[in-house]
């Protein structure tokens, strides 16, 4: 995109938090509606995915074998 500076962030939530902290009209982040509400941000465009089935997957890598079942529903917002 011409004239746009892209910046990588650790997560969607991190990007939205940075936008909130900057408090500028010329800065935006891509994320979901619930995260936007959490950080008090205004949605300027919805449904921008370029795929009809757009999913984020997370993989945990460690050096020992561990089995854990998630105790939260899919699509939950997680806080550390």
N, C-alpha and C. Protein backbone atom coordinates (compact mmCIF):
# COMPACT_ATOMS: atom_id res chain seq x y z
N UNK A 1 0.84 -1.17 0.00
CA UNK A 1 0.00 0.00 0.00
C UNK A 1 0.89 1.24 0.00
N UNK A 2 0.63 2.09 -0.90
CA UNK A 2 1.44 3.28 -1.08
C UNK A 2 1.25 4.26 0.08
N UNK A 3 2.36 4.73 0.61
CA UNK A 3 2.31 5.74 1.66
C UNK A 3 1.96 5.20 3.04
N UNK A 4 1.93 3.88 3.19
CA UNK A 4 1.57 3.27 4.47
C UNK A 4 2.79 2.57 5.04
N UNK A 5 3.07 2.81 6.31
CA UNK A 5 4.17 2.14 6.99
C UNK A 5 3.59 0.95 7.76
N UNK A 6 4.09 -0.26 7.47
CA UNK A 6 3.63 -1.45 8.16
C UNK A 6 4.57 -1.75 9.32
N UNK A 7 4.00 -2.12 10.46
CA UNK A 7 4.79 -2.46 11.64
C UNK A 7 4.31 -3.79 12.19
N UNK A 8 5.23 -4.72 12.42
CA UNK A 8 4.88 -6.02 12.99
C UNK A 8 4.68 -5.89 14.49
N UNK A 9 3.75 -6.68 15.01
CA UNK A 9 3.48 -6.73 16.45
C UNK A 9 3.42 -8.18 16.89
N UNK A 10 3.56 -8.40 18.17
CA UNK A 10 3.55 -9.76 18.72
C UNK A 10 2.19 -10.43 18.57
N UNK A 11 1.13 -9.65 18.57
CA UNK A 11 -0.22 -10.21 18.47
C UNK A 11 -1.19 -9.13 18.01
N UNK A 12 -2.39 -9.56 17.68
CA UNK A 12 -3.45 -8.62 17.33
C UNK A 12 -3.74 -7.69 18.51
N UNK A 13 -3.83 -8.28 19.70
CA UNK A 13 -4.10 -7.48 20.90
C UNK A 13 -3.00 -6.45 21.13
N UNK A 14 -1.76 -6.84 20.90
CA UNK A 14 -0.63 -5.91 21.05
C UNK A 14 -0.75 -4.75 20.07
N UNK A 15 -1.12 -5.06 18.85
CA UNK A 15 -1.29 -4.01 17.83
C UNK A 15 -2.40 -3.04 18.22
N UNK A 16 -3.51 -3.58 18.69
CA UNK A 16 -4.63 -2.72 19.07
C UNK A 16 -4.30 -1.88 20.30
N UNK A 17 -3.57 -2.45 21.22
CA UNK A 17 -3.16 -1.69 22.40
C UNK A 17 -2.25 -0.54 21.99
N UNK A 18 -1.34 -0.78 21.05
CA UNK A 18 -0.45 0.29 20.58
C UNK A 18 -1.23 1.40 19.91
N UNK A 19 -2.24 1.04 19.11
CA UNK A 19 -3.07 2.05 18.47
C UNK A 19 -3.80 2.88 19.53
N UNK A 20 -4.32 2.22 20.54
CA UNK A 20 -5.01 2.93 21.63
C UNK A 20 -4.06 3.90 22.33
N UNK A 21 -2.86 3.44 22.64
CA UNK A 21 -1.89 4.27 23.36
C UNK A 21 -1.41 5.45 22.52
N UNK A 22 -1.32 5.27 21.19
CA UNK A 22 -0.85 6.36 20.32
C UNK A 22 -1.91 7.44 20.18
N UNK A 23 -3.20 7.07 20.26
CA UNK A 23 -4.30 8.03 20.20
C UNK A 23 -4.17 8.99 19.03
N UNK A 24 -4.00 8.42 17.83
CA UNK A 24 -3.87 9.22 16.61
C UNK A 24 -4.89 8.75 15.58
N UNK A 25 -5.39 9.68 14.77
CA UNK A 25 -6.37 9.35 13.74
C UNK A 25 -5.76 8.70 12.50
N UNK A 26 -4.44 8.78 12.35
CA UNK A 26 -3.79 8.25 11.16
C UNK A 26 -3.10 6.90 11.40
N UNK A 27 -3.47 6.20 12.47
CA UNK A 27 -2.88 4.91 12.81
C UNK A 27 -4.02 3.90 12.96
N UNK A 28 -3.82 2.67 12.44
CA UNK A 28 -4.86 1.64 12.51
C UNK A 28 -4.23 0.28 12.75
N UNK A 29 -5.04 -0.66 13.20
CA UNK A 29 -4.62 -2.05 13.39
C UNK A 29 -5.70 -2.96 12.83
N UNK A 30 -5.31 -4.12 12.36
CA UNK A 30 -6.27 -5.12 11.89
C UNK A 30 -6.55 -6.07 13.04
N UNK A 31 -7.82 -6.29 13.35
CA UNK A 31 -8.18 -7.19 14.43
C UNK A 31 -9.67 -7.47 14.45
N UNK A 32 -10.10 -8.21 15.45
CA UNK A 32 -11.52 -8.56 15.54
C UNK A 32 -12.30 -7.52 16.34
N UNK A 33 -13.61 -7.58 16.19
CA UNK A 33 -14.48 -6.57 16.81
C UNK A 33 -14.40 -6.58 18.33
N UNK A 34 -14.31 -7.75 18.93
CA UNK A 34 -14.28 -7.80 20.40
C UNK A 34 -13.01 -7.17 20.95
N UNK A 35 -11.88 -7.35 20.27
CA UNK A 35 -10.64 -6.70 20.71
C UNK A 35 -10.74 -5.20 20.53
N UNK A 36 -11.36 -4.77 19.44
CA UNK A 36 -11.56 -3.35 19.22
C UNK A 36 -12.37 -2.71 20.33
N UNK A 37 -13.43 -3.39 20.75
CA UNK A 37 -14.25 -2.88 21.85
C UNK A 37 -13.46 -2.85 23.15
N UNK A 38 -12.66 -3.90 23.39
CA UNK A 38 -11.86 -3.98 24.60
C UNK A 38 -10.94 -2.77 24.74
N UNK A 39 -10.37 -2.32 23.61
CA UNK A 39 -9.44 -1.19 23.63
C UNK A 39 -10.10 0.13 23.27
N UNK A 40 -11.42 0.14 23.12
CA UNK A 40 -12.14 1.37 22.85
C UNK A 40 -11.86 1.96 21.48
N UNK A 41 -11.60 1.09 20.49
CA UNK A 41 -11.29 1.55 19.14
C UNK A 41 -12.52 1.52 18.26
N UNK A 42 -12.53 2.36 17.24
CA UNK A 42 -13.64 2.45 16.30
C UNK A 42 -13.32 1.62 15.06
N UNK A 43 -14.23 0.73 14.67
CA UNK A 43 -14.06 -0.06 13.45
C UNK A 43 -14.29 0.84 12.24
N UNK A 44 -13.37 0.82 11.29
CA UNK A 44 -13.53 1.64 10.09
C UNK A 44 -13.91 0.80 8.87
N UNK A 45 -13.70 -0.52 8.94
CA UNK A 45 -14.09 -1.43 7.85
C UNK A 45 -14.18 -2.84 8.41
N UNK A 46 -15.23 -3.55 8.08
CA UNK A 46 -15.40 -4.92 8.54
C UNK A 46 -15.22 -5.92 7.41
N UNK A 47 -15.10 -7.18 7.77
CA UNK A 47 -15.00 -8.28 6.80
C UNK A 47 -13.93 -8.05 5.74
N UNK A 48 -12.70 -7.82 6.17
CA UNK A 48 -11.62 -7.53 5.21
C UNK A 48 -10.80 -8.77 4.86
N UNK A 49 -11.16 -9.94 5.40
CA UNK A 49 -10.41 -11.17 5.10
C UNK A 49 -10.42 -11.44 3.60
N UNK A 50 -9.30 -11.93 3.09
CA UNK A 50 -9.23 -12.24 1.67
C UNK A 50 -9.53 -13.72 1.40
N UNK A 51 -9.97 -14.44 2.43
CA UNK A 51 -10.37 -15.84 2.31
C UNK A 51 -11.68 -16.03 3.06
N UNK A 52 -12.56 -16.87 2.53
CA UNK A 52 -13.84 -17.09 3.21
C UNK A 52 -13.67 -17.88 4.50
N UNK A 53 -12.70 -18.76 4.56
CA UNK A 53 -12.41 -19.55 5.77
C UNK A 53 -11.07 -19.09 6.31
N UNK A 54 -11.06 -18.02 7.08
CA UNK A 54 -9.83 -17.44 7.61
C UNK A 54 -9.70 -17.82 9.08
N UNK A 55 -8.68 -18.62 9.42
CA UNK A 55 -8.49 -19.09 10.79
C UNK A 55 -7.07 -18.80 11.26
N UNK A 56 -6.93 -18.54 12.53
CA UNK A 56 -5.61 -18.41 13.15
C UNK A 56 -5.37 -19.65 13.98
N UNK A 57 -4.19 -20.23 13.83
CA UNK A 57 -3.84 -21.43 14.60
C UNK A 57 -2.60 -21.14 15.42
N UNK A 58 -2.56 -21.70 16.60
CA UNK A 58 -1.42 -21.52 17.49
C UNK A 58 -0.80 -22.87 17.79
N UNK A 59 0.49 -22.94 17.78
CA UNK A 59 1.22 -24.17 18.07
C UNK A 59 2.16 -23.90 19.23
N UNK A 60 2.14 -24.78 20.21
CA UNK A 60 3.05 -24.68 21.34
C UNK A 60 4.17 -25.69 21.12
N UNK A 61 5.41 -25.22 21.19
CA UNK A 61 6.57 -26.08 20.98
C UNK A 61 7.36 -26.12 22.28
N UNK A 62 7.68 -27.33 22.74
CA UNK A 62 8.48 -27.47 23.95
C UNK A 62 9.36 -28.71 23.83
N UNK A 63 10.33 -28.85 24.73
CA UNK A 63 11.26 -29.97 24.62
C UNK A 63 10.85 -31.17 25.46
N UNK A 64 9.68 -31.16 26.06
CA UNK A 64 9.19 -32.33 26.79
C UNK A 64 7.75 -32.60 26.38
N UNK A 65 7.34 -33.84 26.50
CA UNK A 65 6.00 -34.23 26.07
C UNK A 65 4.97 -33.80 27.12
N UNK A 66 3.97 -33.06 26.67
CA UNK A 66 2.92 -32.61 27.57
C UNK A 66 1.59 -32.72 26.84
N UNK A 67 0.58 -33.16 27.55
CA UNK A 67 -0.76 -33.24 26.98
C UNK A 67 -1.69 -32.38 27.82
N UNK A 68 -2.33 -31.45 27.18
CA UNK A 68 -3.30 -30.60 27.88
C UNK A 68 -4.50 -30.41 26.98
N UNK A 69 -5.65 -30.45 27.59
CA UNK A 69 -6.87 -30.15 26.87
C UNK A 69 -7.25 -28.70 27.17
N UNK A 70 -7.65 -27.96 26.15
CA UNK A 70 -8.06 -26.57 26.42
C UNK A 70 -9.29 -26.55 27.32
N UNK A 71 -9.30 -25.67 28.27
CA UNK A 71 -10.45 -25.55 29.16
C UNK A 71 -11.31 -24.35 28.82
N UNK A 72 -11.06 -23.78 27.66
CA UNK A 72 -11.83 -22.62 27.21
C UNK A 72 -12.44 -22.92 25.85
N UNK A 73 -13.54 -22.24 25.58
CA UNK A 73 -14.21 -22.43 24.30
C UNK A 73 -13.37 -21.82 23.18
N UNK A 74 -13.48 -22.38 21.95
CA UNK A 74 -12.81 -21.74 20.82
C UNK A 74 -13.33 -20.31 20.65
N UNK A 75 -12.52 -19.48 20.07
CA UNK A 75 -12.84 -18.08 19.79
C UNK A 75 -12.95 -17.24 21.06
N UNK A 76 -12.38 -17.69 22.15
CA UNK A 76 -12.34 -16.90 23.38
C UNK A 76 -11.21 -15.89 23.30
N UNK A 77 -11.33 -14.84 24.06
CA UNK A 77 -10.25 -13.86 24.18
C UNK A 77 -9.44 -14.24 25.41
N UNK A 78 -8.16 -14.47 25.23
CA UNK A 78 -7.31 -14.91 26.32
C UNK A 78 -6.43 -13.78 26.80
N UNK A 79 -6.26 -13.69 28.10
CA UNK A 79 -5.35 -12.71 28.70
C UNK A 79 -4.31 -13.45 29.50
N UNK A 80 -3.05 -12.98 29.42
CA UNK A 80 -1.97 -13.62 30.15
C UNK A 80 -1.85 -13.13 31.56
